[in-house]
Amino acid sequence: MPPIFEITHKDICGRIGRLKTQHGIVETPTIMPVVNPNIQTIKPSELRKFGAEIIITNSYIIYRKPELRERALKEGLHSLIGFDGPIMTDSGSYQLSVYGEVEVNNKQIVEFQQEIGSDIGVPLDIPTPPDVSWERAVSELDITIQREREAIGFKKDMLLAAPVQGSSFPDLRERAGRELSCCDFDVFPLGAVVPLMESYRYADLVDVIVASKKGLSPAAPVHLFGAGHPMMFALAVALGCDLFDSASYALYAKEGRYMTVRGTYHLDDLQYLPCSCPVCSSIGADELKKSEKREELLASHNLYATFAEMREVKQAIKEGSLWELVEQRCRVHPRLLDGLKRALFHSEWIEKFQPASRATFFYSGPESALRPEVVRFRKRLGNFRLDGRVLIRTKRHENEDDFDLVLEFKAPFGAYPMELKETYPFNAEVTAEMDHASLTIALKNTLMLIELNPEVEFTFVSNIEHPMMNEIAQKAKLARPI
């Protein structure tokens, strides 16, 4: 059987893929707007104009309402909702997390999703929230995995999702991913992460994503349940998430909230609309506030902003500049910056998946000094076997002919053969004034290179002022540029 998910482009751990469903192929990464079967701020038939290729709705809501259930069984899900593309259905796990119980069992809801023609169905998993006890997390994870394996027996032509649970325990998330990867599932949502996003715990969210990805197959399509704010797409995609969903576009509109990649504004606080989508380019802030269609127009803007950012992310993957976009986006809020820093804590894991060559390396701050390219360079320092007299320089030196080898020094990398100066990543665009973080990493790498070649006579020609220069001076000759 051919794979249902084909990866076509990669950058960092992010990828552009093609997810095959009964109702067409979906290009990922993408977001699935949540459609409530009862309340529709925007008609599902109009969602394609914003960029929606796939949507998500709740099969439990349909199941519980007799008239909706009968229509879905008779006409099919797509006719009921009014969307001709792929539709994913949730199982009622959200209601389970809110109310503590639901009026359906796992077998009933999975078979119902199959019967009404869902493209991607979800078993009745238990969404264990963050910060619960270890005992509860383990117990509920065991039940979830048991239900998910049970659901395979009810699966026919529907793709089956297997939510990865485990609360805020990375080892449980990894275990869940590993066990589920061995079964016949098609999509892997990361569940119960909404509380982390609602409280801006992006560092903890990064740990959940990375731990889950470590357990899952690298080829598995990953869905970040309930993630729908455009300001965090770049970070989540860079860590390997492919599908997103959210009702935020409609819920925020109802509350008068206006979404941007820089965060969320309240419409009442806006004198100008900082966007050029069809809504914002045709109406002013004051007019929008007074409009009878305010909620619908706000929801439309929120969708335009959401899909515009997803296109920006995909373009960054195509051109190999996703990391630069991540660093830009994560500076819009301190907690997102925490998420970036936590992601850099996992640089060694990320480095395994990042392509060896990318378009460019733009240094944009201290976090850039910990990027996977720098980690990869440090790991390969042992391959630099040198001999004779070696010059390390920060700029051209007039006595270079007196040395057997000349190495270029550039932060945040350190010393490398000058012949590689125009190749990636040493052709990096960096600041003229090296900051402490990049300089420290570069000097640590340089010291390591010197220590790996104890028989070599090193001369370091530089005006660098840094405490580490004393340590380097003990093992190499320091000289000022002439």
Protein backbone atom coordinates (compact mmCIF):
# COMPACT_ATOMS: atom_id res chain seq x y z
CA MET A 1 0.00 0.00 0.00
CA PRO A 2 1.55 3.38 -0.98
CA PRO A 3 2.17 5.85 1.85
CA ILE A 4 -0.64 8.34 2.50
CA PHE A 5 1.86 11.07 3.43
CA GLU A 6 4.59 12.17 1.03
CA ILE A 7 7.21 14.73 2.08
CA THR A 8 8.34 16.97 -0.78
CA HIS A 9 10.47 19.68 0.88
CA LYS A 10 12.24 19.96 4.23
CA ASP A 11 13.88 22.63 6.37
CA ILE A 12 14.90 22.17 10.01
CA CYS A 13 12.28 19.56 11.13
CA GLY A 14 9.59 21.32 9.13
CA ARG A 15 8.36 19.89 5.88
CA ILE A 16 5.94 20.43 3.04
CA GLY A 17 3.93 17.28 2.46
CA ARG A 18 1.02 15.75 0.58
CA LEU A 19 -1.59 14.00 2.71
CA LYS A 20 -3.86 11.72 0.67
CA THR A 21 -7.50 11.37 1.73
CA GLN A 22 -10.70 10.06 0.14
CA HIS A 23 -11.72 13.60 -0.77
CA GLY A 24 -8.45 14.82 -2.18
CA ILE A 25 -4.83 15.59 -1.43
CA VAL A 26 -4.01 18.18 1.23
CA GLU A 27 -0.76 20.14 1.15
CA THR A 28 0.78 20.47 4.59
CA PRO A 29 1.56 22.32 6.76
CA THR A 30 -1.95 23.65 6.94
CA ILE A 31 -4.65 24.56 9.39
CA MET A 32 -8.08 22.97 9.63
CA PRO A 33 -10.73 25.54 10.60
CA VAL A 34 -13.06 24.09 13.22
CA VAL A 35 -16.68 23.99 12.06
CA ASN A 36 -19.38 23.70 14.68
CA PRO A 37 -22.32 21.76 13.20
CA ASN A 38 -24.73 23.98 15.14
CA ILE A 39 -23.17 27.46 14.87
CA GLN A 40 -21.41 28.65 11.71
CA THR A 41 -20.01 32.18 11.70
CA ILE A 42 -18.74 31.56 8.17
CA LYS A 43 -20.36 29.02 5.87
CA PRO A 44 -18.09 25.96 5.36
CA SER A 45 -18.65 26.24 1.61
CA GLU A 46 -16.84 29.60 1.71
CA LEU A 47 -13.78 28.41 3.62
CA ARG A 48 -11.83 27.46 0.49
CA LYS A 49 -11.52 31.14 -0.52
CA PHE A 50 -9.42 31.73 2.60
CA GLY A 51 -7.12 28.82 1.82
CA ALA A 52 -8.77 25.92 3.67
CA GLU A 53 -8.16 22.56 1.99
CA ILE A 54 -9.42 20.51 4.93
CA ILE A 55 -11.67 21.26 7.91
CA ILE A 56 -12.44 19.58 11.23
CA THR A 57 -15.75 19.12 13.02
CA ASN A 58 -17.00 17.22 16.06
CA SER A 59 -18.66 13.87 15.43
CA TYR A 60 -19.89 13.67 19.02
CA ILE A 61 -22.00 16.82 18.61
CA ILE A 62 -23.52 15.31 15.47
CA TYR A 63 -24.04 11.93 17.16
CA ARG A 64 -25.86 13.41 20.15
CA LYS A 65 -28.34 15.53 18.18
CA PRO A 66 -30.91 13.19 16.57
CA GLU A 67 -31.70 15.36 13.56
CA LEU A 68 -28.00 15.90 12.79
CA ARG A 69 -27.24 12.21 13.32
CA GLU A 70 -29.97 11.06 10.98
CA ARG A 71 -28.98 13.53 8.29
CA ALA A 72 -25.31 12.57 8.56
CA LEU A 73 -26.13 8.86 8.26
CA LYS A 74 -28.48 9.45 5.34
CA GLU A 75 -26.74 12.21 3.37
CA GLY A 76 -23.15 11.85 4.56
CA LEU A 77 -20.92 14.16 6.57
CA HIS A 78 -19.83 16.32 3.64
CA SER A 79 -23.40 17.10 2.62
CA LEU A 80 -24.38 17.84 6.21
CA ILE A 81 -21.49 20.25 6.78
CA GLY A 82 -21.51 21.72 3.28
CA PHE A 83 -17.84 21.20 2.44
CA ASP A 84 -16.67 19.12 -0.52
CA GLY A 85 -13.05 18.66 0.61
CA PRO A 86 -11.52 16.40 3.27
CA ILE A 87 -13.11 16.55 6.73
CA MET A 88 -11.54 15.33 9.96
CA THR A 89 -13.83 14.53 12.87
CA ASP A 90 -13.01 14.66 16.57
CA SER A 91 -14.52 12.01 18.81
CA GLY A 92 -15.82 13.90 21.83
CA SER A 93 -12.58 13.90 23.75
CA TYR A 94 -12.86 17.67 24.20
CA GLN A 95 -16.26 17.24 25.84
CA LEU A 96 -14.74 14.46 27.95
CA SER A 97 -12.04 16.84 29.18
CA VAL A 98 -14.58 19.56 30.01
CA TYR A 99 -17.48 17.55 31.46
CA GLY A 100 -15.72 14.41 32.69
CA GLU A 101 -17.93 12.01 30.74
CA VAL A 102 -19.63 11.53 27.38
CA GLU A 103 -22.68 9.54 26.29
CA VAL A 104 -20.85 7.29 23.87
CA ASN A 105 -18.15 4.63 23.95
CA ASN A 106 -15.07 4.22 21.80
CA LYS A 107 -16.53 1.60 19.44
CA GLN A 108 -19.72 3.57 18.85
CA ILE A 109 -18.02 6.85 17.99
CA VAL A 110 -15.34 5.34 15.73
CA GLU A 111 -17.90 3.31 13.80
CA PHE A 112 -20.14 6.38 13.55
CA GLN A 113 -17.31 8.43 12.04
CA GLN A 114 -16.72 5.63 9.55
CA GLU A 115 -20.42 5.40 8.66
CA ILE A 116 -20.91 9.12 7.99
CA GLY A 117 -17.87 9.30 5.70
CA SER A 118 -15.23 11.08 7.76
CA ASP A 119 -11.88 11.32 5.99
CA ILE A 120 -9.90 11.19 9.24
CA GLY A 121 -11.46 9.75 12.38
CA VAL A 122 -10.30 9.90 15.98
CA PRO A 123 -10.80 7.32 18.76
CA LEU A 124 -12.20 8.35 22.13
CA ASP A 125 -8.88 9.11 23.79
CA ILE A 126 -8.45 10.63 27.24
CA PRO A 127 -6.92 14.13 27.00
CA THR A 128 -4.84 14.20 30.16
CA PRO A 129 -4.11 17.86 31.04
CA PRO A 130 -0.68 19.16 32.11
CA ASP A 131 0.60 18.96 35.67
CA VAL A 132 -1.38 15.95 36.85
CA SER A 133 0.20 13.19 38.92
CA TRP A 134 2.41 10.61 37.28
CA GLU A 135 0.00 7.86 38.34
CA ARG A 136 -2.96 9.53 36.64
CA ALA A 137 -0.99 10.27 33.48
CA VAL A 138 0.17 6.65 33.16
CA SER A 139 -3.26 5.21 33.88
CA GLU A 140 -5.04 7.43 31.36
CA LEU A 141 -2.34 6.89 28.74
CA ASP A 142 -2.76 3.13 29.05
CA ILE A 143 -6.52 3.47 28.51
CA THR A 144 -5.98 5.79 25.53
CA ILE A 145 -3.55 3.41 23.82
CA GLN A 146 -5.89 0.47 24.48
CA ARG A 147 -8.79 2.36 22.87
CA GLU A 148 -6.68 3.43 19.92
CA ARG A 149 -5.58 -0.14 19.22
CA GLU A 150 -9.18 -1.26 19.56
CA ALA A 151 -10.20 1.36 16.97
CA ILE A 152 -8.00 -0.24 14.30
CA GLY A 153 -10.47 -3.12 14.19
CA PHE A 154 -13.31 -0.75 13.26
CA LYS A 155 -11.34 1.06 10.56
CA LYS A 156 -12.30 0.53 6.93
CA ASP A 157 -11.47 3.18 4.31
CA MET A 158 -11.24 6.07 6.79
CA LEU A 159 -7.83 7.35 7.87
CA LEU A 160 -7.39 6.83 11.59
CA ALA A 161 -5.70 9.31 13.93
CA ALA A 162 -3.98 8.18 17.12
CA PRO A 163 -3.67 11.03 19.66
CA VAL A 164 -0.37 11.05 21.54
CA GLN A 165 -1.07 11.70 25.22
CA GLY A 166 1.09 11.69 28.34
CA SER A 167 0.33 15.00 30.05
CA SER A 168 3.48 17.11 30.62
CA PHE A 169 5.78 14.10 31.08
CA PRO A 170 8.21 13.94 28.12
CA ASP A 171 9.05 10.28 28.69
CA LEU A 172 5.35 9.32 28.54
CA ARG A 173 4.87 11.33 25.36
CA GLU A 174 7.85 9.60 23.78
CA ARG A 175 6.61 6.20 24.93
CA ALA A 176 3.17 6.90 23.47
CA GLY A 177 4.66 7.94 20.14
CA ARG A 178 6.86 4.86 20.00
CA GLU A 179 4.04 2.41 20.81
CA LEU A 180 1.56 4.01 18.42
CA SER A 181 4.09 4.10 15.57
CA CYS A 182 4.07 0.31 15.58
CA CYS A 183 0.36 0.18 14.71
CA ASP A 184 -1.67 0.90 11.59
CA PHE A 185 -2.47 4.56 12.24
CA ASP A 186 -2.33 7.34 9.69
CA VAL A 187 -2.16 10.67 11.55
CA PHE A 188 -0.75 11.44 14.99
CA PRO A 189 -2.32 14.36 16.88
CA LEU A 190 -0.56 15.69 19.97
CA GLY A 191 -3.39 15.98 22.46
CA ALA A 192 -4.19 18.03 25.57
CA VAL A 193 -1.83 20.88 24.67
CA VAL A 194 -4.42 23.68 24.62
CA PRO A 195 -3.91 24.45 28.36
CA LEU A 196 -0.21 25.03 27.65
CA MET A 197 -0.97 27.46 24.82
CA GLU A 198 -3.70 29.25 26.72
CA SER A 199 -1.26 29.94 29.57
CA TYR A 200 1.59 30.82 27.15
CA ARG A 201 3.72 27.89 28.33
CA TYR A 202 5.49 27.60 25.02
CA ALA A 203 8.66 26.14 26.52
CA ASP A 204 6.64 23.24 27.92
CA LEU A 205 4.82 22.91 24.60
CA VAL A 206 8.18 22.56 22.84
CA ASP A 207 9.15 19.74 25.21
CA VAL A 208 5.87 17.94 24.48
CA ILE A 209 6.33 18.25 20.71
CA VAL A 210 9.96 17.13 20.74
CA ALA A 211 9.33 14.19 23.08
CA SER A 212 6.40 13.00 20.96
CA LYS A 213 8.40 13.39 17.74
CA LYS A 214 11.25 11.36 19.21
CA GLY A 215 8.88 8.44 19.67
CA LEU A 216 7.09 8.78 16.34
CA SER A 217 8.38 7.78 12.93
CA PRO A 218 10.00 10.75 11.13
CA ALA A 219 7.62 10.04 8.25
CA ALA A 220 4.46 10.34 10.37
CA PRO A 221 2.13 13.32 9.80
CA VAL A 222 1.76 15.15 13.11
CA HIS A 223 -1.27 17.22 14.13
CA LEU A 224 -1.01 19.79 16.95
CA PHE A 225 -4.50 19.69 18.42
CA GLY A 226 -6.12 23.07 19.14
CA ALA A 227 -3.25 25.20 17.84
CA GLY A 228 -4.57 28.02 15.71
CA HIS A 229 -2.81 31.29 16.47
CA PRO A 230 -0.60 32.41 13.57
CA MET A 231 2.17 33.77 15.80
CA MET A 232 3.24 30.25 16.82
CA PHE A 233 2.97 28.41 13.48
CA ALA A 234 6.61 28.91 12.49
CA LEU A 235 7.97 27.45 15.73
CA ALA A 236 5.61 24.46 15.71
CA VAL A 237 6.24 23.69 12.04
CA ALA A 238 10.00 23.96 12.57
CA LEU A 239 9.69 21.22 15.20
CA GLY A 240 7.83 18.94 12.79
CA CYS A 241 4.10 19.66 13.14
CA ASP A 242 2.12 19.33 9.91
CA LEU A 243 -1.55 19.90 10.77
CA PHE A 244 -3.20 22.47 13.01
CA ASP A 245 -6.78 23.20 13.97
CA SER A 246 -8.59 25.88 15.86
CA ALA A 247 -11.90 27.60 16.36
CA SER A 248 -10.05 30.77 17.37
CA TYR A 249 -10.96 32.60 14.17
CA ALA A 250 -14.64 32.47 15.18
CA LEU A 251 -14.33 32.53 18.97
CA TYR A 252 -12.03 35.55 18.87
CA ALA A 253 -14.34 37.33 16.44
CA LYS A 254 -17.26 36.85 18.82
CA GLU A 255 -15.17 38.56 21.53
CA GLY A 256 -14.09 41.37 19.20
CA ARG A 257 -10.51 40.13 18.92
CA TYR A 258 -8.32 40.76 15.88
CA MET A 259 -5.55 38.26 15.12
CA THR A 260 -2.09 39.08 13.74
CA VAL A 261 1.30 37.35 13.71
CA ARG A 262 2.36 39.82 16.40
CA GLY A 263 -0.43 38.80 18.76
CA THR A 264 -4.10 39.65 19.26
CA TYR A 265 -5.65 43.11 19.46
CA HIS A 266 -9.06 44.02 20.75
CA LEU A 267 -10.92 45.78 17.98
CA ASP A 268 -12.00 48.58 20.32
CA ASP A 269 -8.31 49.48 20.81
CA LEU A 270 -7.55 49.80 17.09
CA GLN A 271 -7.61 53.10 15.26
CA TYR A 272 -6.15 51.47 12.12
CA LEU A 273 -6.35 47.96 10.70
CA PRO A 274 -2.73 46.77 10.24
CA CYS A 275 -3.54 44.33 7.46
CA SER A 276 -4.25 44.38 3.72
CA CYS A 277 -6.57 41.37 3.50
CA PRO A 278 -9.85 41.84 1.55
CA VAL A 279 -11.65 42.79 4.76
CA CYS A 280 -9.14 45.31 6.08
CA SER A 281 -8.49 46.91 2.71
CA SER A 282 -12.18 47.59 2.18
CA ILE A 283 -13.24 48.96 5.56
CA GLY A 284 -11.80 51.22 8.27
CA ALA A 285 -11.43 50.42 11.95
CA ASP A 286 -14.27 52.71 13.04
CA GLU A 287 -16.59 51.38 10.36
CA LEU A 288 -15.78 47.79 11.32
CA LYS A 289 -16.57 48.49 14.98
CA LYS A 290 -20.05 49.71 14.05
CA SER A 291 -20.80 47.16 11.34
CA GLU A 292 -23.79 44.82 11.72
CA LYS A 293 -21.53 42.15 10.23
CA ARG A 294 -18.71 42.87 12.68
CA GLU A 295 -18.40 39.28 13.91
CA GLU A 296 -18.42 37.76 10.42
CA LEU A 297 -15.93 40.34 9.10
CA LEU A 298 -13.61 39.82 12.07
CA ALA A 299 -13.77 36.05 11.61
CA SER A 300 -12.95 36.51 7.93
CA HIS A 301 -9.95 38.70 8.74
CA ASN A 302 -8.76 36.16 11.32
CA LEU A 303 -8.89 33.41 8.70
CA TYR A 304 -7.06 35.53 6.11
CA ALA A 305 -4.33 36.32 8.65
CA THR A 306 -4.08 32.67 9.66
CA PHE A 307 -3.66 31.29 6.15
CA ALA A 308 -1.36 34.13 5.09
CA GLU A 309 1.06 33.14 7.84
CA MET A 310 0.88 29.47 6.88
CA ARG A 311 1.83 30.43 3.32
CA GLU A 312 4.72 32.46 4.73
CA VAL A 313 5.89 29.40 6.63
CA LYS A 314 5.69 27.20 3.55
CA GLN A 315 7.62 29.72 1.48
CA ALA A 316 10.32 29.77 4.16
CA ILE A 317 10.59 25.97 3.97
CA LYS A 318 10.90 26.12 0.18
CA GLU A 319 13.69 28.70 0.25
CA GLY A 320 15.47 27.30 3.32
CA SER A 321 14.87 30.27 5.62
CA LEU A 322 12.50 28.77 8.18
CA TRP A 323 14.87 29.30 11.09
CA GLU A 324 15.10 33.01 10.33
CA LEU A 325 11.30 33.22 10.33
CA VAL A 326 11.12 31.34 13.64
CA GLU A 327 13.51 33.79 15.28
CA GLN A 328 11.51 36.75 14.00
CA ARG A 329 8.17 35.37 15.16
CA CYS A 330 9.40 34.25 18.57
CA ARG A 331 10.47 37.78 19.43
CA VAL A 332 6.89 39.04 19.46
CA HIS A 333 6.29 37.75 22.99
CA PRO A 334 8.66 36.83 25.87
CA ARG A 335 6.97 33.44 26.37
CA LEU A 336 7.41 32.59 22.70
CA LEU A 337 11.07 33.53 23.09
CA ASP A 338 11.16 31.03 25.96
CA GLY A 339 9.83 28.49 23.47
CA LEU A 340 12.63 29.30 21.01
CA LYS A 341 15.25 28.97 23.72
CA ARG A 342 13.81 25.61 24.78
CA ALA A 343 13.86 24.48 21.14
CA LEU A 344 17.56 25.39 21.00
CA PHE A 345 18.08 23.18 24.03
CA HIS A 346 17.11 20.38 21.63
CA SER A 347 19.50 21.54 18.89
CA GLU A 348 21.37 18.22 18.77
CA TRP A 349 18.11 16.40 18.04
CA ILE A 350 17.05 19.00 15.47
CA GLU A 351 20.44 18.82 13.78
CA LYS A 352 19.81 15.17 12.85
CA PHE A 353 16.94 16.22 10.57
CA GLN A 354 18.06 19.59 9.25
CA PRO A 355 19.32 19.48 5.66
CA ALA A 356 23.10 19.81 5.36
CA SER A 357 22.76 22.79 3.05
CA ARG A 358 20.31 25.68 3.19
CA ALA A 359 19.87 29.00 1.45
CA THR A 360 21.51 31.20 4.06
CA PHE A 361 22.26 31.83 7.70
CA PHE A 362 21.21 35.23 9.02
CA TYR A 363 22.41 35.99 12.53
CA SER A 364 19.64 37.83 14.36
CA GLY A 365 20.57 37.61 18.03
CA PRO A 366 22.09 35.49 20.80
CA GLU A 367 19.76 32.56 20.04
CA SER A 368 21.34 32.22 16.58
CA ALA A 369 24.57 31.15 18.27
CA LEU A 370 22.88 27.91 19.33
CA ARG A 371 21.37 27.00 15.97
CA PRO A 372 21.78 23.43 14.69
CA GLU A 373 24.35 24.54 12.10
CA VAL A 374 26.66 25.65 14.90
CA VAL A 375 26.07 22.39 16.78
CA ARG A 376 26.86 20.43 13.61
CA PHE A 377 30.08 22.40 13.08
CA ARG A 378 31.23 21.71 16.64
CA LYS A 379 30.53 17.98 16.27
CA ARG A 380 32.73 17.92 13.16
CA LEU A 381 35.71 19.70 14.65
CA GLY A 382 37.33 16.32 15.23
CA ASN A 383 37.56 15.90 11.45
CA PHE A 384 39.94 18.89 11.20
CA ARG A 385 43.32 17.17 11.50
CA LEU A 386 45.96 19.91 11.18
CA ASP A 387 49.75 20.07 11.18
CA GLY A 388 52.54 22.62 10.88
CA ARG A 389 52.05 26.31 11.62
CA VAL A 390 48.43 27.49 11.58
CA LEU A 391 47.19 31.07 11.50
CA ILE A 392 43.75 31.96 12.84
CA ARG A 393 42.65 35.40 11.70
CA THR A 394 39.66 37.70 11.98
CA LYS A 395 40.74 39.61 8.85
CA ARG A 396 43.47 39.36 6.22
CA HIS A 397 47.04 39.37 7.64
CA GLU A 398 50.12 40.47 5.67
CA ASN A 399 52.35 37.60 6.86
CA GLU A 400 50.03 34.75 5.84
CA ASP A 401 52.69 33.20 3.56
CA ASP A 402 54.70 32.30 6.66
CA PHE A 403 52.05 29.75 7.71
CA ASP A 404 51.16 26.29 6.43
CA LEU A 405 47.42 26.86 6.83
CA VAL A 406 45.19 29.90 7.30
CA LEU A 407 41.90 29.60 9.18
CA GLU A 408 39.16 32.23 9.14
CA PHE A 409 37.52 33.18 12.45
CA LYS A 410 33.84 34.04 12.40
CA ALA A 411 31.36 34.05 15.24
CA PRO A 412 29.35 32.02 16.14
CA PHE A 413 31.34 29.21 14.45
CA GLY A 414 34.96 29.81 15.32
CA ALA A 415 37.96 28.89 13.17
CA TYR A 416 37.50 27.12 9.82
CA PRO A 417 39.52 26.79 6.55
CA MET A 418 39.40 30.04 4.61
CA GLU A 419 38.64 28.07 1.42
CA LEU A 420 35.15 27.44 2.86
CA LYS A 421 34.43 31.13 3.38
CA GLU A 422 31.90 31.35 0.54
CA THR A 423 30.14 28.07 1.33
CA TYR A 424 27.17 27.41 3.61
CA PRO A 425 27.04 27.99 6.55
CA PHE A 426 30.29 29.96 6.75
CA ASN A 427 28.93 32.53 4.30
CA ALA A 428 26.57 33.55 7.10
CA GLU A 429 25.44 37.16 7.35
CA VAL A 430 26.52 38.20 10.83
CA THR A 431 26.71 41.47 12.74
CA ALA A 432 29.90 43.52 12.43
CA GLU A 433 30.05 43.79 16.21
CA MET A 434 30.09 40.29 17.68
CA ASP A 435 27.84 39.93 20.73
CA HIS A 436 28.93 38.04 23.84
CA ALA A 437 26.88 34.91 23.11
CA SER A 438 28.17 34.37 19.57
CA LEU A 439 31.73 35.23 20.54
CA THR A 440 31.69 32.84 23.50
CA ILE A 441 30.49 29.93 21.36
CA ALA A 442 33.04 30.72 18.64
CA LEU A 443 35.92 30.89 21.12
CA LYS A 444 34.84 27.64 22.78
CA ASN A 445 34.90 25.95 19.38
CA THR A 446 38.29 27.47 18.60
CA LEU A 447 39.73 26.28 21.91
CA MET A 448 38.37 22.81 21.23
CA LEU A 449 40.05 22.79 17.80
CA ILE A 450 43.36 23.81 19.36
CA GLU A 451 43.07 21.07 22.00
CA LEU A 452 42.29 18.45 19.35
CA ASN A 453 45.56 19.30 17.57
CA PRO A 454 48.18 19.54 20.38
CA GLU A 455 51.16 19.19 18.01
CA VAL A 456 50.19 22.21 15.93
CA GLU A 457 51.65 25.67 16.46
CA PHE A 458 48.68 28.07 16.44
CA THR A 459 48.84 31.84 16.07
CA PHE A 460 45.62 33.74 16.72
CA VAL A 461 45.70 37.27 15.30
CA SER A 462 42.82 39.26 16.75
CA ASN A 463 41.69 42.36 18.67
CA ILE A 464 39.04 40.34 20.53
CA GLU A 465 38.48 41.26 24.16
CA HIS A 466 36.97 38.31 26.03
CA PRO A 467 37.83 36.39 29.24
CA MET A 468 38.36 33.19 27.22
CA MET A 469 41.29 34.76 25.38
CA ASN A 470 43.44 34.12 28.47
CA GLU A 471 42.72 30.39 28.24
CA ILE A 472 43.42 30.36 24.53
CA ALA A 473 46.69 32.25 25.12
CA GLN A 474 47.95 29.34 27.22
CA LYS A 475 47.74 27.04 24.18
CA ALA A 476 48.26 29.38 21.23
CA LYS A 477 50.23 32.51 20.44
CA LEU A 478 48.10 35.64 20.44
CA ALA A 479 48.98 38.58 18.26
CA ARG A 480 47.40 41.90 17.40
CA PRO A 481 46.61 42.63 13.74
CA ILE A 482 49.30 44.66 12.00
